[in-house]
Amino acid sequence: KIERPSLPAIALTTDTSVLTSISNDYDFDQVFLKQVMALADEK
């Protein structure tokens, strides 16, 4: 609602290549796990 700097948020539901490759090569149960493993840290 207010003008302010962009804040870093990522929806892990939008990259069709990532979602389909993980689902195809492994399992749909891992589509968010593998992204969190790759992208998340303690901050």
All heavy atoms as atom14 arrays in JSON, in Angstrom:
{
  "sequence": "KIERPSLPAIALTTDTSVLTSISNDYDFDQVFLKQVMALADEK",
  "atom14_mask": [
    [1, 1, 1, 1, 1, 1, 1, 1, 1, 0, 0, 0, 0, 0],
    [1, 1, 1, 1, 1, 1, 1, 1, 0, 0, 0, 0, 0, 0],
    [1, 1, 1, 1, 1, 1, 1, 1, 1, 0, 0, 0, 0, 0],
    [1, 1, 1, 1, 1, 1, 1, 1, 1, 1, 1, 0, 0, 0],
    [1, 1, 1, 1, 1, 1, 1, 0, 0, 0, 0, 0, 0, 0],
    [1, 1, 1, 1, 1, 1, 0, 0, 0, 0, 0, 0, 0, 0],
    [1, 1, 1, 1, 1, 1, 1, 1, 0, 0, 0, 0, 0, 0],
    [1, 1, 1, 1, 1, 1, 1, 0, 0, 0, 0, 0, 0, 0],
    [1, 1, 1, 1, 1, 0, 0, 0, 0, 0, 0, 0, 0, 0],
    [1, 1, 1, 1, 1, 1, 1, 1, 0, 0, 0, 0, 0, 0],
    [1, 1, 1, 1, 1, 0, 0, 0, 0, 0, 0, 0, 0, 0],
    [1, 1, 1, 1, 1, 1, 1, 1, 0, 0, 0, 0, 0, 0],
    [1, 1, 1, 1, 1, 1, 1, 0, 0, 0, 0, 0, 0, 0],
    [1, 1, 1, 1, 1, 1, 1, 0, 0, 0, 0, 0, 0, 0],
    [1, 1, 1, 1, 1, 1, 1, 1, 0, 0, 0, 0, 0, 0],
    [1, 1, 1, 1, 1, 1, 1, 0, 0, 0, 0, 0, 0, 0],
    [1, 1, 1, 1, 1, 1, 0, 0, 0, 0, 0, 0, 0, 0],
    [1, 1, 1, 1, 1, 1, 1, 0, 0, 0, 0, 0, 0, 0],
    [1, 1, 1, 1, 1, 1, 1, 1, 0, 0, 0, 0, 0, 0],
    [1, 1, 1, 1, 1, 1, 1, 0, 0, 0, 0, 0, 0, 0],
    [1, 1, 1, 1, 1, 1, 0, 0, 0, 0, 0, 0, 0, 0],
    [1, 1, 1, 1, 1, 1, 1, 1, 0, 0, 0, 0, 0, 0],
    [1, 1, 1, 1, 1, 1, 0, 0, 0, 0, 0, 0, 0, 0],
    [1, 1, 1, 1, 1, 1, 1, 1, 0, 0, 0, 0, 0, 0],
    [1, 1, 1, 1, 1, 1, 1, 1, 0, 0, 0, 0, 0, 0],
    [1, 1, 1, 1, 1, 1, 1, 1, 1, 1, 1, 1, 0, 0],
    [1, 1, 1, 1, 1, 1, 1, 1, 0, 0, 0, 0, 0, 0],
    [1, 1, 1, 1, 1, 1, 1, 1, 1, 1, 1, 0, 0, 0],
    [1, 1, 1, 1, 1, 1, 1, 1, 0, 0, 0, 0, 0, 0],
    [1, 1, 1, 1, 1, 1, 1, 1, 1, 0, 0, 0, 0, 0],
    [1, 1, 1, 1, 1, 1, 1, 0, 0, 0, 0, 0, 0, 0],
    [1, 1, 1, 1, 1, 1, 1, 1, 1, 1, 1, 0, 0, 0],
    [1, 1, 1, 1, 1, 1, 1, 1, 0, 0, 0, 0, 0, 0],
    [1, 1, 1, 1, 1, 1, 1, 1, 1, 0, 0, 0, 0, 0],
    [1, 1, 1, 1, 1, 1, 1, 1, 1, 0, 0, 0, 0, 0],
    [1, 1, 1, 1, 1, 1, 1, 0, 0, 0, 0, 0, 0, 0],
    [1, 1, 1, 1, 1, 1, 1, 1, 0, 0, 0, 0, 0, 0],
    [1, 1, 1, 1, 1, 0, 0, 0, 0, 0, 0, 0, 0, 0],
    [1, 1, 1, 1, 1, 1, 1, 1, 0, 0, 0, 0, 0, 0],
    [1, 1, 1, 1, 1, 0, 0, 0, 0, 0, 0, 0, 0, 0],
    [1, 1, 1, 1, 1, 1, 1, 1, 0, 0, 0, 0, 0, 0],
    [1, 1, 1, 1, 1, 1, 1, 1, 1, 0, 0, 0, 0, 0],
    [1, 1, 1, 1, 1, 1, 1, 1, 1, 0, 0, 0, 0, 0]
  ],
  "atom14_positions": [
    [[0.8, -1.22, 0.0], [0.0, 0.0, 0.0], [0.84, 1.27, 0.0], [0.32, 2.33, -0.32], [-0.95, 0.0, 1.21], [-2.08, -1.01, 1.08], [-2.95, -1.05, 2.33], [-3.74, 0.22, 2.51], [-4.65, 0.15, 3.68], [0.0, 0.0, 0.0], [0.0, 0.0, 0.0], [0.0, 0.0, 0.0], [0.0, 0.0, 0.0], [0.0, 0.0, 0.0]],
    [[2.09, 1.17, 0.39], [2.92, 2.37, 0.44], [4.1, 2.21, -0.52], [4.5, 1.1, -0.86], [3.44, 2.66, 1.87], [4.36, 1.53, 2.36], [2.28, 2.88, 2.82], [5.02, 1.82, 3.69], [0.0, 0.0, 0.0], [0.0, 0.0, 0.0], [0.0, 0.0, 0.0], [0.0, 0.0, 0.0], [0.0, 0.0, 0.0], [0.0, 0.0, 0.0]],
    [[4.63, 3.35, -0.96], [5.83, 3.32, -1.79], [7.02, 3.01, -0.9], [7.28, 3.71, 0.09], [6.03, 4.67, -2.48], [4.98, 4.98, -3.52], [5.0, 4.02, -4.69], [6.07, 3.43, -4.98], [3.94, 3.84, -5.32], [0.0, 0.0, 0.0], [0.0, 0.0, 0.0], [0.0, 0.0, 0.0], [0.0, 0.0, 0.0], [0.0, 0.0, 0.0]],
    [[7.75, 1.95, -1.25], [8.92, 1.55, -0.47], [9.79, 0.65, -1.34], [9.37, 0.21, -2.42], [8.51, 0.87, 0.84], [7.39, -0.16, 0.73], [7.91, -1.53, 0.46], [6.87, -2.54, 0.61], [6.77, -3.6, -0.18], [7.59, -3.76, -1.19], [5.84, -4.49, 0.01], [0.0, 0.0, 0.0], [0.0, 0.0, 0.0], [0.0, 0.0, 0.0]],
    [[11.02, 0.35, -0.9], [11.88, -0.52, -1.7], [11.28, -1.91, -1.88], [10.48, -2.38, -1.06], [13.18, -0.59, -0.88], [13.13, 0.59, 0.02], [11.68, 0.85, 0.3], [0.0, 0.0, 0.0], [0.0, 0.0, 0.0], [0.0, 0.0, 0.0], [0.0, 0.0, 0.0], [0.0, 0.0, 0.0], [0.0, 0.0, 0.0], [0.0, 0.0, 0.0]],
    [[11.67, -2.58, -2.94], [11.25, -3.97, -3.15], [11.84, -4.85, -2.07], [12.98, -4.65, -1.63], [11.72, -4.46, -4.52], [11.1, -3.72, -5.55], [0.0, 0.0, 0.0], [0.0, 0.0, 0.0], [0.0, 0.0, 0.0], [0.0, 0.0, 0.0], [0.0, 0.0, 0.0], [0.0, 0.0, 0.0], [0.0, 0.0, 0.0], [0.0, 0.0, 0.0]],
    [[11.07, -5.84, -1.64], [11.49, -6.76, -0.58], [11.63, -8.16, -1.17], [10.77, -8.6, -1.95], [10.48, -6.74, 0.56], [10.3, -5.36, 1.23], [9.11, -5.37, 2.18], [11.58, -4.94, 1.96], [0.0, 0.0, 0.0], [0.0, 0.0, 0.0], [0.0, 0.0, 0.0], [0.0, 0.0, 0.0], [0.0, 0.0, 0.0], [0.0, 0.0, 0.0]],
    [[12.69, -8.9, -0.82], [13.0, -10.17, -1.49], [12.13, -11.34, -1.02], [12.34, -11.9, 0.05], [14.48, -10.4, -1.15], [14.69, -9.67, 0.14], [13.76, -8.49, 0.12], [0.0, 0.0, 0.0], [0.0, 0.0, 0.0], [0.0, 0.0, 0.0], [0.0, 0.0, 0.0], [0.0, 0.0, 0.0], [0.0, 0.0, 0.0], [0.0, 0.0, 0.0]],
    [[11.18, -11.68, -1.85], [10.31, -12.83, -1.6], [10.21, -13.65, -2.88], [10.14, -13.08, -3.98], [8.93, -12.37, -1.16], [0.0, 0.0, 0.0], [0.0, 0.0, 0.0], [0.0, 0.0, 0.0], [0.0, 0.0, 0.0], [0.0, 0.0, 0.0], [0.0, 0.0, 0.0], [0.0, 0.0, 0.0], [0.0, 0.0, 0.0], [0.0, 0.0, 0.0]],
    [[10.22, -14.96, -2.74], [10.18, -15.86, -3.89], [9.07, -16.88, -3.69], [9.03, -17.57, -2.67], [11.52, -16.6, -4.07], [12.69, -15.63, -4.16], [11.47, -17.51, -5.29], [14.06, -16.29, -4.07], [0.0, 0.0, 0.0], [0.0, 0.0, 0.0], [0.0, 0.0, 0.0], [0.0, 0.0, 0.0], [0.0, 0.0, 0.0], [0.0, 0.0, 0.0]],
    [[8.18, -16.99, -4.67], [7.2, -18.08, -4.68], [7.84, -19.28, -5.36], [8.3, -19.17, -6.51], [5.93, -17.65, -5.41], [0.0, 0.0, 0.0], [0.0, 0.0, 0.0], [0.0, 0.0, 0.0], [0.0, 0.0, 0.0], [0.0, 0.0, 0.0], [0.0, 0.0, 0.0], [0.0, 0.0, 0.0], [0.0, 0.0, 0.0], [0.0, 0.0, 0.0]],
    [[7.9, -20.4, -4.68], [8.54, -21.6, -5.23], [7.59, -22.41, -6.1], [7.79, -23.6, -6.3], [9.09, -22.46, -4.09], [10.04, -21.79, -3.12], [10.58, -22.79, -2.11], [11.18, -21.09, -3.85], [0.0, 0.0, 0.0], [0.0, 0.0, 0.0], [0.0, 0.0, 0.0], [0.0, 0.0, 0.0], [0.0, 0.0, 0.0], [0.0, 0.0, 0.0]],
    [[6.6, -21.75, -6.65], [5.53, -22.42, -7.41], [5.49, -22.0, -8.86], [4.58, -22.39, -9.59], [4.17, -22.07, -6.77], [4.04, -20.65, -6.7], [4.05, -22.64, -5.36], [0.0, 0.0, 0.0], [0.0, 0.0, 0.0], [0.0, 0.0, 0.0], [0.0, 0.0, 0.0], [0.0, 0.0, 0.0], [0.0, 0.0, 0.0], [0.0, 0.0, 0.0]],
    [[6.49, -21.21, -9.31], [6.34, -20.54, -10.6], [7.28, -21.01, -11.7], [7.04, -20.74, -12.86], [6.55, -19.03, -10.43], [7.87, -18.8, -9.92], [5.54, -18.44, -9.47], [0.0, 0.0, 0.0], [0.0, 0.0, 0.0], [0.0, 0.0, 0.0], [0.0, 0.0, 0.0], [0.0, 0.0, 0.0], [0.0, 0.0, 0.0], [0.0, 0.0, 0.0]],
    [[8.37, -21.67, -11.35], [9.36, -22.06, -12.35], [9.0, -23.45, -12.89], [9.29, -24.47, -12.27], [10.76, -22.07, -11.72], [11.86, -22.25, -12.75], [11.63, -22.95, -13.75], [12.96, -21.7, -12.53], [0.0, 0.0, 0.0], [0.0, 0.0, 0.0], [0.0, 0.0, 0.0], [0.0, 0.0, 0.0], [0.0, 0.0, 0.0], [0.0, 0.0, 0.0]],
    [[8.38, -23.47, -14.06], [7.88, -24.76, -14.59], [9.0, -25.73, -14.9], [8.82, -26.95, -14.76], [7.03, -24.53, -15.86], [7.79, -23.79, -16.82], [5.75, -23.78, -15.52], [0.0, 0.0, 0.0], [0.0, 0.0, 0.0], [0.0, 0.0, 0.0], [0.0, 0.0, 0.0], [0.0, 0.0, 0.0], [0.0, 0.0, 0.0], [0.0, 0.0, 0.0]],
    [[10.16, -25.25, -15.3], [11.28, -26.16, -15.58], [11.76, -26.84, -14.31], [12.04, -28.04, -14.29], [12.43, -25.41, -16.25], [12.04, -24.95, -17.53], [0.0, 0.0, 0.0], [0.0, 0.0, 0.0], [0.0, 0.0, 0.0], [0.0, 0.0, 0.0], [0.0, 0.0, 0.0], [0.0, 0.0, 0.0], [0.0, 0.0, 0.0], [0.0, 0.0, 0.0]],
    [[11.87, -26.06, -13.23], [12.27, -26.64, -11.95], [11.21, -27.62, -11.45], [11.52, -28.77, -11.07], [12.52, -25.53, -10.9], [12.65, -26.12, -9.5], [13.77, -24.74, -11.25], [0.0, 0.0, 0.0], [0.0, 0.0, 0.0], [0.0, 0.0, 0.0], [0.0, 0.0, 0.0], [0.0, 0.0, 0.0], [0.0, 0.0, 0.0], [0.0, 0.0, 0.0]],
    [[9.96, -27.2, -11.46], [8.89, -28.05, -10.93], [8.76, -29.35, -11.72], [8.63, -30.44, -11.12], [7.55, -27.29, -10.97], [7.44, -26.06, -10.07], [6.17, -25.3, -10.39], [7.48, -26.44, -8.6], [0.0, 0.0, 0.0], [0.0, 0.0, 0.0], [0.0, 0.0, 0.0], [0.0, 0.0, 0.0], [0.0, 0.0, 0.0], [0.0, 0.0, 0.0]],
    [[8.82, -29.27, -13.04], [8.62, -30.48, -13.85], [9.85, -31.37, -13.84], [9.72, -32.6, -13.87], [8.21, -30.13, -15.29], [9.19, -29.25, -15.88], [6.84, -29.47, -15.31], [0.0, 0.0, 0.0], [0.0, 0.0, 0.0], [0.0, 0.0, 0.0], [0.0, 0.0, 0.0], [0.0, 0.0, 0.0], [0.0, 0.0, 0.0], [0.0, 0.0, 0.0]],
    [[11.04, -30.78, -13.78], [12.23, -31.64, -13.76], [12.32, -32.41, -12.45], [12.63, -33.62, -12.45], [13.5, -30.82, -13.98], [13.77, -29.96, -12.9], [0.0, 0.0, 0.0], [0.0, 0.0, 0.0], [0.0, 0.0, 0.0], [0.0, 0.0, 0.0], [0.0, 0.0, 0.0], [0.0, 0.0, 0.0], [0.0, 0.0, 0.0], [0.0, 0.0, 0.0]],
    [[12.03, -31.76, -11.33], [12.06, -32.46, -10.05], [10.97, -33.54, -10.01], [11.21, -34.68, -9.6], [11.9, -31.48, -8.87], [13.09, -30.54, -8.8], [11.74, -32.23, -7.55], [12.92, -29.37, -7.85], [0.0, 0.0, 0.0], [0.0, 0.0, 0.0], [0.0, 0.0, 0.0], [0.0, 0.0, 0.0], [0.0, 0.0, 0.0], [0.0, 0.0, 0.0]],
    [[9.77, -33.18, -10.46], [8.66, -34.15, -10.47], [8.98, -35.35, -11.36], [8.66, -36.49, -11.03], [7.38, -33.49, -10.96], [6.99, -32.46, -10.11], [0.0, 0.0, 0.0], [0.0, 0.0, 0.0], [0.0, 0.0, 0.0], [0.0, 0.0, 0.0], [0.0, 0.0, 0.0], [0.0, 0.0, 0.0], [0.0, 0.0, 0.0], [0.0, 0.0, 0.0]],
    [[9.6, -35.08, -12.52], [9.9, -36.15, -13.47], [11.07, -37.01, -13.02], [11.02, -38.24, -13.09], [10.21, -35.53, -14.84], [10.44, -36.58, -15.91], [9.53, -37.34, -16.23], [11.64, -36.63, -16.46], [0.0, 0.0, 0.0], [0.0, 0.0, 0.0], [0.0, 0.0, 0.0], [0.0, 0.0, 0.0], [0.0, 0.0, 0.0], [0.0, 0.0, 0.0]],
    [[12.15, -36.37, -12.54], [13.36, -37.11, -12.2], [13.29, -37.75, -10.83], [13.94, -38.76, -10.58], [14.58, -36.18, -12.25], [14.88, -35.66, -13.65], [14.27, -36.17, -14.61], [15.72, -34.75, -13.77], [0.0, 0.0, 0.0], [0.0, 0.0, 0.0], [0.0, 0.0, 0.0], [0.0, 0.0, 0.0], [0.0, 0.0, 0.0], [0.0, 0.0, 0.0]],
    [[12.54, -37.14, -9.92], [12.45, -37.64, -8.55], [10.99, -37.91, -8.2], [10.45, -38.95, -8.51], [13.11, -36.66, -7.57], [14.59, -36.53, -7.8], [15.1, -35.54, -8.65], [15.48, -37.4, -7.21], [16.46, -35.42, -8.88], [16.85, -37.31, -7.43], [17.33, -36.32, -8.27], [18.67, -36.21, -8.5], [0.0, 0.0, 0.0], [0.0, 0.0, 0.0]],
    [[10.35, -36.9, -7.57], [8.98, -37.1, -7.11], [8.37, -35.73, -6.82], [9.09, -34.83, -6.39], [8.98, -37.97, -5.84], [7.59, -38.42, -5.44], [6.88, -37.66, -4.77], [7.22, -39.54, -5.84], [0.0, 0.0, 0.0], [0.0, 0.0, 0.0], [0.0, 0.0, 0.0], [0.0, 0.0, 0.0], [0.0, 0.0, 0.0], [0.0, 0.0, 0.0]],
    [[7.07, -35.59, -7.04], [6.42, -34.31, -6.78], [6.52, -33.92, -5.31], [6.49, -32.73, -4.97], [4.94, -34.37, -7.21], [4.26, -33.03, -7.18], [4.63, -32.02, -8.07], [3.25, -32.76, -6.27], [4.01, -30.77, -8.03], [2.62, -31.52, -6.24], [3.01, -30.53, -7.12], [0.0, 0.0, 0.0], [0.0, 0.0, 0.0], [0.0, 0.0, 0.0]],
    [[6.69, -34.88, -4.43], [6.84, -34.58, -3.01], [8.11, -33.81, -2.7], [8.28, -33.28, -1.6], [6.84, -35.88, -2.18], [5.48, -36.55, -2.14], [4.5, -35.98, -2.68], [5.39, -37.65, -1.56], [0.0, 0.0, 0.0], [0.0, 0.0, 0.0], [0.0, 0.0, 0.0], [0.0, 0.0, 0.0], [0.0, 0.0, 0.0], [0.0, 0.0, 0.0]],
    [[9.03, -33.71, -3.68], [10.3, -33.02, -3.46], [10.39, -31.65, -4.13], [11.43, -30.99, -4.07], [11.46, -33.9, -3.94], [11.6, -35.19, -3.16], [12.9, -35.91, -3.5], [13.95, -35.28, -3.64], [12.83, -37.22, -3.63], [0.0, 0.0, 0.0], [0.0, 0.0, 0.0], [0.0, 0.0, 0.0], [0.0, 0.0, 0.0], [0.0, 0.0, 0.0]],
    [[9.31, -31.2, -4.77], [9.42, -29.97, -5.58], [9.77, -28.74, -4.77], [10.46, -27.84, -5.26], [8.16, -29.69, -6.44], [7.99, -30.74, -7.51], [6.92, -29.54, -5.59], [0.0, 0.0, 0.0], [0.0, 0.0, 0.0], [0.0, 0.0, 0.0], [0.0, 0.0, 0.0], [0.0, 0.0, 0.0], [0.0, 0.0, 0.0], [0.0, 0.0, 0.0]],
    [[9.3, -28.65, -3.53], [9.65, -27.51, -2.69], [10.9, -27.79, -1.87], [11.71, -26.89, -1.63], [8.48, -27.12, -1.79], [7.21, -26.81, -2.54], [5.99, -27.34, -2.14], [7.23, -25.99, -3.67], [4.83, -27.06, -2.85], [6.07, -25.71, -4.38], [4.86, -26.25, -3.97], [0.0, 0.0, 0.0], [0.0, 0.0, 0.0], [0.0, 0.0, 0.0]],
    [[11.08, -29.04, -1.46], [12.26, -29.42, -0.69], [13.54, -29.07, -1.43], [14.45, -28.44, -0.87], [12.23, -30.92, -0.39], [13.52, -31.54, 0.15], [13.87, -30.93, 1.5], [13.4, -33.05, 0.23], [0.0, 0.0, 0.0], [0.0, 0.0, 0.0], [0.0, 0.0, 0.0], [0.0, 0.0, 0.0], [0.0, 0.0, 0.0], [0.0, 0.0, 0.0]],
    [[13.64, -29.48, -2.68], [14.89, -29.24, -3.42], [15.14, -27.75, -3.61], [16.3, -27.3, -3.59], [14.86, -29.98, -4.75], [15.16, -31.47, -4.6], [15.33, -32.14, -5.94], [16.02, -33.48, -5.79], [17.48, -33.37, -5.6], [0.0, 0.0, 0.0], [0.0, 0.0, 0.0], [0.0, 0.0, 0.0], [0.0, 0.0, 0.0], [0.0, 0.0, 0.0]],
    [[14.09, -26.96, -3.78], [14.28, -25.52, -3.92], [14.72, -24.89, -2.6], [15.59, -24.01, -2.58], [12.99, -24.87, -4.43], [12.64, -25.28, -5.85], [11.4, -24.55, -6.33], [11.46, -23.38, -6.7], [10.27, -25.24, -6.32], [0.0, 0.0, 0.0], [0.0, 0.0, 0.0], [0.0, 0.0, 0.0], [0.0, 0.0, 0.0], [0.0, 0.0, 0.0]],
    [[14.13, -25.33, -1.5], [14.55, -24.82, -0.19], [15.99, -25.22, 0.09], [16.79, -24.42, 0.58], [13.58, -25.31, 0.91], [14.16, -25.02, 2.31], [12.23, -24.62, 0.77], [0.0, 0.0, 0.0], [0.0, 0.0, 0.0], [0.0, 0.0, 0.0], [0.0, 0.0, 0.0], [0.0, 0.0, 0.0], [0.0, 0.0, 0.0], [0.0, 0.0, 0.0]],
    [[16.36, -26.46, -0.24], [17.74, -26.91, -0.06], [18.71, -26.02, -0.84], [19.8, -25.71, -0.36], [17.88, -28.37, -0.49], [17.19, -29.35, 0.43], [17.17, -31.04, -0.24], [18.9, -31.47, -0.14], [0.0, 0.0, 0.0], [0.0, 0.0, 0.0], [0.0, 0.0, 0.0], [0.0, 0.0, 0.0], [0.0, 0.0, 0.0], [0.0, 0.0, 0.0]],
    [[18.32, -25.63, -2.03], [19.21, -24.84, -2.89], [19.25, -23.36, -2.53], [20.3, -22.72, -2.68], [18.76, -24.98, -4.35], [0.0, 0.0, 0.0], [0.0, 0.0, 0.0], [0.0, 0.0, 0.0], [0.0, 0.0, 0.0], [0.0, 0.0, 0.0], [0.0, 0.0, 0.0], [0.0, 0.0, 0.0], [0.0, 0.0, 0.0], [0.0, 0.0, 0.0]],
    [[18.14, -22.81, -2.05], [18.01, -21.36, -1.94], [18.02, -20.8, -0.52], [18.34, -19.63, -0.33], [16.71, -20.91, -2.62], [16.57, -21.22, -4.11], [15.16, -20.9, -4.59], [17.6, -20.44, -4.92], [0.0, 0.0, 0.0], [0.0, 0.0, 0.0], [0.0, 0.0, 0.0], [0.0, 0.0, 0.0], [0.0, 0.0, 0.0], [0.0, 0.0, 0.0]],
    [[17.64, -21.59, 0.46], [17.42, -21.05, 1.81], [18.68, -21.1, 2.65], [19.48, -22.03, 2.54], [16.29, -21.82, 2.51], [0.0, 0.0, 0.0], [0.0, 0.0, 0.0], [0.0, 0.0, 0.0], [0.0, 0.0, 0.0], [0.0, 0.0, 0.0], [0.0, 0.0, 0.0], [0.0, 0.0, 0.0], [0.0, 0.0, 0.0], [0.0, 0.0, 0.0]],
    [[18.84, -20.08, 3.5], [19.87, -20.13, 4.53], [19.3, -19.6, 5.83], [18.12, -19.27, 5.91], [21.15, -19.4, 4.1], [20.93, -17.9, 3.88], [20.17, -17.29, 4.65], [21.53, -17.35, 2.95], [0.0, 0.0, 0.0], [0.0, 0.0, 0.0], [0.0, 0.0, 0.0], [0.0, 0.0, 0.0], [0.0, 0.0, 0.0], [0.0, 0.0, 0.0]],
    [[20.14, -19.5, 6.85], [19.64, -19.22, 8.2], [19.08, -17.81, 8.37], [18.41, -17.54, 9.36], [20.74, -19.48, 9.23], [21.07, -20.97, 9.36], [22.13, -21.25, 10.41], [22.59, -20.29, 11.06], [22.49, -22.43, 10.56], [0.0, 0.0, 0.0], [0.0, 0.0, 0.0], [0.0, 0.0, 0.0], [0.0, 0.0, 0.0], [0.0, 0.0, 0.0]],
    [[19.34, -16.91, 7.43], [18.76, -15.57, 7.52], [17.33, -15.52, 6.98], [16.64, -14.51, 7.15], [19.62, -14.57, 6.72], [20.99, -14.33, 7.28], [21.7, -13.23, 6.53], [21.96, -13.61, 5.1], [22.8, -12.61, 4.38], [0.0, 0.0, 0.0], [0.0, 0.0, 0.0], [0.0, 0.0, 0.0], [0.0, 0.0, 0.0], [0.0, 0.0, 0.0]]
  ]
}
